[in-house]
Every structure is written in structure tokens, then in C-alpha cells.
Amino acid sequence: MKKFSLMLAGLAVAATSVPMAANAQAWQNINARQARLEQRINQGIRSGALNRNEAVRLRAQFRDLTVLENRYRRSGGGLSLQERRDLDRRFDALSARIKVQKNDRQYRR
């Protein structure tokens, strides 16, 4: 009975650690995410999918997020989990805005 209990406990630990490992892999480095967003904006400008006003607005929003990240980092010992989540949510919103602006059929003239 004791072996069965230990085996069950081991399976429970293994089952809970697998989703944690998957989440750790899904977590994206903030710098890499910023680089990807900036690359998408630049690509939209080069292809003409973003007009001048859209590009200026998106770059300003991107710059605001960079300033916020720097403020979070200076506030004390790096980013807290809450600050990471806030930045992640804001990056998601910016990513969605980039997608909308690139696909709204307002091309550079």
C-alpha cells in the first residue's frame, strides 16, 4: 500500500510539472517580443500596408511601452510578476492593433 501511495504521489508531481514546463516555454522574453513587434511595424512600412499616420501612431505606442518597461525595471529589482503580466497584456494589445492596421486596406500612397 505504501508503494502505491508513493507511486501515486510521484505521478501527481509529474503531472503538475509538465504543464508548468509547457508554460515556461510559452513565456516569451520581453526583449524578443519587443524586437518582433518592431519588426512587424517596419515590415508594414516597407510593404506599404501601414500608411504614415498609422506607422507614427504605432511607433509612439511602442515607445510608450518601452518607457513603461524601463520605469518598471527601475522601480526596484527588475520586473515583478504583476509588472510582467501588465506588459504582456499591453504587448498583446499593441500586437492586435498592428494586425488591424496592417489589414485595414489603408495603403501608403
N, C-alpha and C. Protein backbone atom coordinates (compact mmCIF):
# COMPACT_ATOMS: atom_id res chain seq x y z
N MET A 1 0.82 -1.18 0.00
CA MET A 1 0.00 0.00 0.00
C MET A 1 0.87 1.26 0.00
N LYS A 2 1.99 1.20 0.75
CA LYS A 2 2.87 2.36 0.83
C LYS A 2 3.51 2.65 -0.53
N LYS A 3 3.90 1.57 -1.26
CA LYS A 3 4.48 1.76 -2.59
C LYS A 3 3.46 2.42 -3.53
N PHE A 4 2.23 1.99 -3.43
CA PHE A 4 1.18 2.53 -4.28
C PHE A 4 0.98 4.02 -3.98
N SER A 5 1.00 4.40 -2.71
CA SER A 5 0.84 5.80 -2.32
C SER A 5 2.00 6.64 -2.84
N LEU A 6 3.22 6.11 -2.73
CA LEU A 6 4.38 6.83 -3.24
C LEU A 6 4.32 7.00 -4.76
N MET A 7 3.89 5.94 -5.42
CA MET A 7 3.78 5.99 -6.87
C MET A 7 2.71 7.02 -7.28
N LEU A 8 1.61 7.03 -6.58
CA LEU A 8 0.55 7.97 -6.87
C LEU A 8 1.02 9.41 -6.64
N ALA A 9 1.76 9.62 -5.56
CA ALA A 9 2.30 10.95 -5.27
C ALA A 9 3.30 11.37 -6.35
N GLY A 10 4.13 10.45 -6.79
CA GLY A 10 5.09 10.75 -7.85
C GLY A 10 4.40 11.10 -9.15
N LEU A 11 3.34 10.40 -9.48
CA LEU A 11 2.58 10.70 -10.69
C LEU A 11 1.92 12.08 -10.60
N ALA A 12 1.43 12.40 -9.40
CA ALA A 12 0.80 13.70 -9.22
C ALA A 12 1.81 14.83 -9.42
N VAL A 13 3.00 14.66 -8.88
CA VAL A 13 4.05 15.67 -9.05
C VAL A 13 4.44 15.78 -10.53
N ALA A 14 4.58 14.65 -11.19
CA ALA A 14 4.96 14.66 -12.60
C ALA A 14 3.86 15.31 -13.45
N ALA A 15 2.62 15.02 -13.11
CA ALA A 15 1.51 15.58 -13.89
C ALA A 15 1.42 17.09 -13.73
N THR A 16 1.74 17.60 -12.55
CA THR A 16 1.67 19.04 -12.36
C THR A 16 2.89 19.75 -12.91
N SER A 17 4.01 19.06 -13.03
CA SER A 17 5.22 19.73 -13.53
C SER A 17 5.23 19.83 -15.06
N VAL A 18 4.54 18.95 -15.75
CA VAL A 18 4.50 19.01 -17.21
C VAL A 18 3.82 20.28 -17.71
N PRO A 19 2.63 20.65 -17.19
CA PRO A 19 2.05 21.91 -17.65
C PRO A 19 2.90 23.13 -17.28
N MET A 20 3.58 23.07 -16.15
CA MET A 20 4.44 24.18 -15.76
C MET A 20 5.58 24.34 -16.76
N ALA A 21 6.14 23.23 -17.22
CA ALA A 21 7.22 23.29 -18.20
C ALA A 21 6.71 23.85 -19.53
N ALA A 22 5.49 23.47 -19.89
CA ALA A 22 4.91 23.97 -21.13
C ALA A 22 4.69 25.48 -21.03
N ASN A 23 4.23 25.96 -19.89
CA ASN A 23 4.04 27.39 -19.70
C ASN A 23 5.36 28.13 -19.71
N ALA A 24 6.39 27.54 -19.17
CA ALA A 24 7.70 28.19 -19.16
C ALA A 24 8.21 28.35 -20.58
N GLN A 25 7.95 27.40 -21.43
CA GLN A 25 8.39 27.50 -22.81
C GLN A 25 7.57 28.52 -23.57
N ALA A 26 6.28 28.67 -23.21
CA ALA A 26 5.41 29.61 -23.89
C ALA A 26 5.72 31.05 -23.49
N TRP A 27 6.33 31.25 -22.32
CA TRP A 27 6.67 32.59 -21.87
C TRP A 27 7.73 33.16 -22.79
N GLN A 28 7.48 34.34 -23.29
CA GLN A 28 8.39 34.94 -24.25
C GLN A 28 9.24 36.02 -23.59
N ASN A 29 10.46 36.07 -23.96
CA ASN A 29 11.37 37.10 -23.48
C ASN A 29 10.83 38.46 -23.93
N ILE A 30 10.82 39.43 -23.01
CA ILE A 30 10.26 40.74 -23.32
C ILE A 30 11.05 41.41 -24.44
N ASN A 31 12.37 41.32 -24.39
CA ASN A 31 13.18 41.95 -25.44
C ASN A 31 12.92 41.32 -26.80
N ALA A 32 12.75 40.00 -26.83
CA ALA A 32 12.46 39.33 -28.09
C ALA A 32 11.09 39.74 -28.61
N ARG A 33 10.15 39.89 -27.70
CA ARG A 33 8.81 40.29 -28.11
C ARG A 33 8.82 41.72 -28.66
N GLN A 34 9.56 42.61 -28.00
CA GLN A 34 9.68 43.98 -28.50
C GLN A 34 10.31 44.00 -29.89
N ALA A 35 11.34 43.22 -30.07
CA ALA A 35 12.01 43.17 -31.38
C ALA A 35 11.05 42.67 -32.45
N ARG A 36 10.24 41.66 -32.12
CA ARG A 36 9.28 41.12 -33.08
C ARG A 36 8.22 42.16 -33.44
N LEU A 37 7.73 42.91 -32.44
CA LEU A 37 6.73 43.94 -32.72
C LEU A 37 7.32 45.05 -33.59
N GLU A 38 8.53 45.46 -33.27
CA GLU A 38 9.18 46.50 -34.08
C GLU A 38 9.41 46.00 -35.51
N GLN A 39 9.77 44.74 -35.64
CA GLN A 39 9.98 44.16 -36.97
C GLN A 39 8.68 44.15 -37.76
N ARG A 40 7.57 43.85 -37.11
CA ARG A 40 6.27 43.84 -37.79
C ARG A 40 5.89 45.24 -38.26
N ILE A 41 6.16 46.25 -37.44
CA ILE A 41 5.88 47.63 -37.84
C ILE A 41 6.74 48.00 -39.04
N ASN A 42 8.04 47.70 -38.97
CA ASN A 42 8.95 48.02 -40.07
C ASN A 42 8.53 47.30 -41.35
N GLN A 43 8.14 46.05 -41.24
CA GLN A 43 7.70 45.29 -42.41
C GLN A 43 6.45 45.92 -43.02
N GLY A 44 5.53 46.37 -42.15
CA GLY A 44 4.31 47.03 -42.64
C GLY A 44 4.61 48.31 -43.38
N ILE A 45 5.61 49.05 -42.91
CA ILE A 45 6.02 50.28 -43.59
C ILE A 45 6.63 49.95 -44.94
N ARG A 46 7.55 48.97 -44.96
CA ARG A 46 8.22 48.59 -46.22
C ARG A 46 7.23 48.08 -47.26
N SER A 47 6.27 47.30 -46.83
CA SER A 47 5.33 46.71 -47.79
C SER A 47 4.24 47.68 -48.21
N GLY A 48 4.09 48.77 -47.45
CA GLY A 48 3.04 49.74 -47.76
C GLY A 48 1.73 49.43 -47.07
N ALA A 49 1.67 48.38 -46.27
CA ALA A 49 0.45 48.01 -45.55
C ALA A 49 0.11 49.03 -44.47
N LEU A 50 1.12 49.75 -43.98
CA LEU A 50 0.90 50.82 -42.99
C LEU A 50 1.16 52.15 -43.66
N ASN A 51 0.20 53.07 -43.54
CA ASN A 51 0.46 54.40 -44.06
C ASN A 51 1.22 55.20 -43.01
N ARG A 52 1.59 56.41 -43.35
CA ARG A 52 2.45 57.22 -42.48
C ARG A 52 1.82 57.47 -41.11
N ASN A 53 0.55 57.85 -41.08
CA ASN A 53 -0.12 58.13 -39.81
C ASN A 53 -0.20 56.89 -38.93
N GLU A 54 -0.52 55.76 -39.52
CA GLU A 54 -0.60 54.51 -38.75
C GLU A 54 0.77 54.17 -38.17
N ALA A 55 1.80 54.30 -38.98
CA ALA A 55 3.15 53.96 -38.52
C ALA A 55 3.59 54.87 -37.39
N VAL A 56 3.31 56.16 -37.51
CA VAL A 56 3.69 57.11 -36.45
C VAL A 56 2.97 56.77 -35.16
N ARG A 57 1.69 56.48 -35.26
CA ARG A 57 0.89 56.15 -34.08
C ARG A 57 1.37 54.85 -33.42
N LEU A 58 1.62 53.83 -34.23
CA LEU A 58 2.09 52.54 -33.69
C LEU A 58 3.47 52.67 -33.06
N ARG A 59 4.35 53.44 -33.69
CA ARG A 59 5.69 53.64 -33.12
C ARG A 59 5.61 54.41 -31.79
N ALA A 60 4.70 55.37 -31.69
CA ALA A 60 4.54 56.12 -30.44
C ALA A 60 4.04 55.19 -29.33
N GLN A 61 3.10 54.32 -29.66
CA GLN A 61 2.59 53.36 -28.67
C GLN A 61 3.69 52.38 -28.26
N PHE A 62 4.50 51.96 -29.22
CA PHE A 62 5.61 51.08 -28.92
C PHE A 62 6.62 51.77 -28.00
N ARG A 63 6.92 53.03 -28.29
CA ARG A 63 7.85 53.81 -27.48
C ARG A 63 7.31 53.98 -26.05
N ASP A 64 6.00 54.23 -25.93
CA ASP A 64 5.38 54.35 -24.61
C ASP A 64 5.54 53.07 -23.80
N LEU A 65 5.39 51.92 -24.45
CA LEU A 65 5.58 50.64 -23.76
C LEU A 65 7.03 50.46 -23.32
N THR A 66 7.95 50.89 -24.14
CA THR A 66 9.37 50.79 -23.79
C THR A 66 9.68 51.66 -22.57
N VAL A 67 9.12 52.86 -22.55
CA VAL A 67 9.32 53.76 -21.41
C VAL A 67 8.71 53.14 -20.15
N LEU A 68 7.52 52.56 -20.27
CA LEU A 68 6.87 51.91 -19.13
C LEU A 68 7.71 50.75 -18.62
N GLU A 69 8.23 49.95 -19.53
CA GLU A 69 9.08 48.83 -19.12
C GLU A 69 10.30 49.32 -18.35
N ASN A 70 10.94 50.36 -18.85
CA ASN A 70 12.11 50.92 -18.16
C ASN A 70 11.74 51.45 -16.78
N ARG A 71 10.58 52.08 -16.67
CA ARG A 71 10.13 52.58 -15.36
C ARG A 71 9.89 51.41 -14.41
N TYR A 72 9.27 50.34 -14.90
CA TYR A 72 9.06 49.16 -14.07
C TYR A 72 10.39 48.57 -13.61
N ARG A 73 11.35 48.49 -14.51
CA ARG A 73 12.64 47.89 -14.16
C ARG A 73 13.39 48.73 -13.12
N ARG A 74 13.27 50.05 -13.20
CA ARG A 74 13.95 50.93 -12.25
C ARG A 74 13.26 50.98 -10.90
N SER A 75 11.99 50.58 -10.85
CA SER A 75 11.21 50.74 -9.62
C SER A 75 11.67 49.82 -8.50
N GLY A 76 12.49 48.83 -8.80
CA GLY A 76 13.01 48.02 -7.72
C GLY A 76 13.28 46.58 -8.11
N GLY A 77 14.51 46.29 -8.42
CA GLY A 77 14.95 44.92 -8.59
C GLY A 77 14.38 44.16 -9.76
N GLY A 78 14.15 44.80 -10.86
CA GLY A 78 13.65 44.08 -12.02
C GLY A 78 12.13 44.10 -12.08
N LEU A 79 11.59 43.20 -12.88
CA LEU A 79 10.15 43.16 -13.09
C LEU A 79 9.49 42.17 -12.13
N SER A 80 8.41 42.61 -11.50
CA SER A 80 7.63 41.69 -10.68
C SER A 80 6.70 40.91 -11.60
N LEU A 81 6.07 39.89 -11.08
CA LEU A 81 5.15 39.08 -11.87
C LEU A 81 3.98 39.93 -12.36
N GLN A 82 3.50 40.81 -11.51
CA GLN A 82 2.39 41.68 -11.89
C GLN A 82 2.81 42.63 -13.02
N GLU A 83 4.01 43.17 -12.94
CA GLU A 83 4.51 44.05 -13.99
C GLU A 83 4.70 43.30 -15.30
N ARG A 84 5.20 42.07 -15.23
CA ARG A 84 5.35 41.24 -16.44
C ARG A 84 4.00 40.99 -17.09
N ARG A 85 3.02 40.67 -16.25
CA ARG A 85 1.67 40.42 -16.78
C ARG A 85 1.08 41.67 -17.42
N ASP A 86 1.29 42.82 -16.78
CA ASP A 86 0.80 44.07 -17.33
C ASP A 86 1.45 44.35 -18.68
N LEU A 87 2.78 44.21 -18.76
CA LEU A 87 3.48 44.42 -20.03
C LEU A 87 3.01 43.43 -21.08
N ASP A 88 2.82 42.18 -20.69
CA ASP A 88 2.38 41.16 -21.63
C ASP A 88 1.00 41.52 -22.20
N ARG A 89 0.11 41.98 -21.33
CA ARG A 89 -1.23 42.37 -21.77
C ARG A 89 -1.14 43.55 -22.74
N ARG A 90 -0.29 44.51 -22.40
CA ARG A 90 -0.13 45.69 -23.27
C ARG A 90 0.52 45.32 -24.60
N PHE A 91 1.49 44.40 -24.58
CA PHE A 91 2.11 43.94 -25.83
C PHE A 91 1.08 43.20 -26.68
N ASP A 92 0.22 42.41 -26.05
CA ASP A 92 -0.84 41.73 -26.79
C ASP A 92 -1.75 42.74 -27.49
N ALA A 93 -2.11 43.81 -26.77
CA ALA A 93 -2.98 44.83 -27.34
C ALA A 93 -2.29 45.54 -28.51
N LEU A 94 -1.02 45.86 -28.35
CA LEU A 94 -0.28 46.51 -29.44
C LEU A 94 -0.17 45.59 -30.63
N SER A 95 0.08 44.32 -30.38
CA SER A 95 0.17 43.35 -31.46
C SER A 95 -1.15 43.28 -32.24
N ALA A 96 -2.25 43.31 -31.52
CA ALA A 96 -3.57 43.29 -32.17
C ALA A 96 -3.78 44.55 -32.99
N ARG A 97 -3.36 45.71 -32.46
CA ARG A 97 -3.51 46.96 -33.21
C ARG A 97 -2.66 46.95 -34.47
N ILE A 98 -1.45 46.40 -34.39
CA ILE A 98 -0.60 46.29 -35.57
C ILE A 98 -1.29 45.44 -36.63
N LYS A 99 -1.85 44.32 -36.19
CA LYS A 99 -2.54 43.42 -37.13
C LYS A 99 -3.71 44.13 -37.80
N VAL A 100 -4.51 44.85 -37.02
CA VAL A 100 -5.66 45.56 -37.58
C VAL A 100 -5.20 46.62 -38.57
N GLN A 101 -4.21 47.41 -38.18
CA GLN A 101 -3.75 48.49 -39.05
C GLN A 101 -3.12 47.96 -40.34
N LYS A 102 -2.43 46.84 -40.25
CA LYS A 102 -1.81 46.28 -41.45
C LYS A 102 -2.84 45.69 -42.40
N ASN A 103 -3.99 45.31 -41.89
CA ASN A 103 -5.00 44.65 -42.71
C ASN A 103 -6.24 45.50 -42.96
N ASP A 104 -6.18 46.81 -42.72
CA ASP A 104 -7.36 47.64 -42.88
C ASP A 104 -7.50 48.24 -44.28
N ARG A 105 -6.62 47.84 -45.17
CA ARG A 105 -6.66 48.26 -46.58
C ARG A 105 -6.45 49.76 -46.77
N GLN A 106 -5.80 50.40 -45.80
CA GLN A 106 -5.40 51.80 -45.97
C GLN A 106 -3.90 51.76 -46.29
N TYR A 107 -3.63 51.77 -47.56
CA TYR A 107 -2.24 51.60 -48.01
C TYR A 107 -1.53 52.93 -48.15
N ARG A 108 -0.21 52.86 -48.13
CA ARG A 108 0.62 54.04 -48.36
C ARG A 108 0.39 54.52 -49.79
N ARG A 109 0.34 55.81 -49.93
CA ARG A 109 0.10 56.37 -51.28
C ARG A 109 1.34 56.98 -51.85
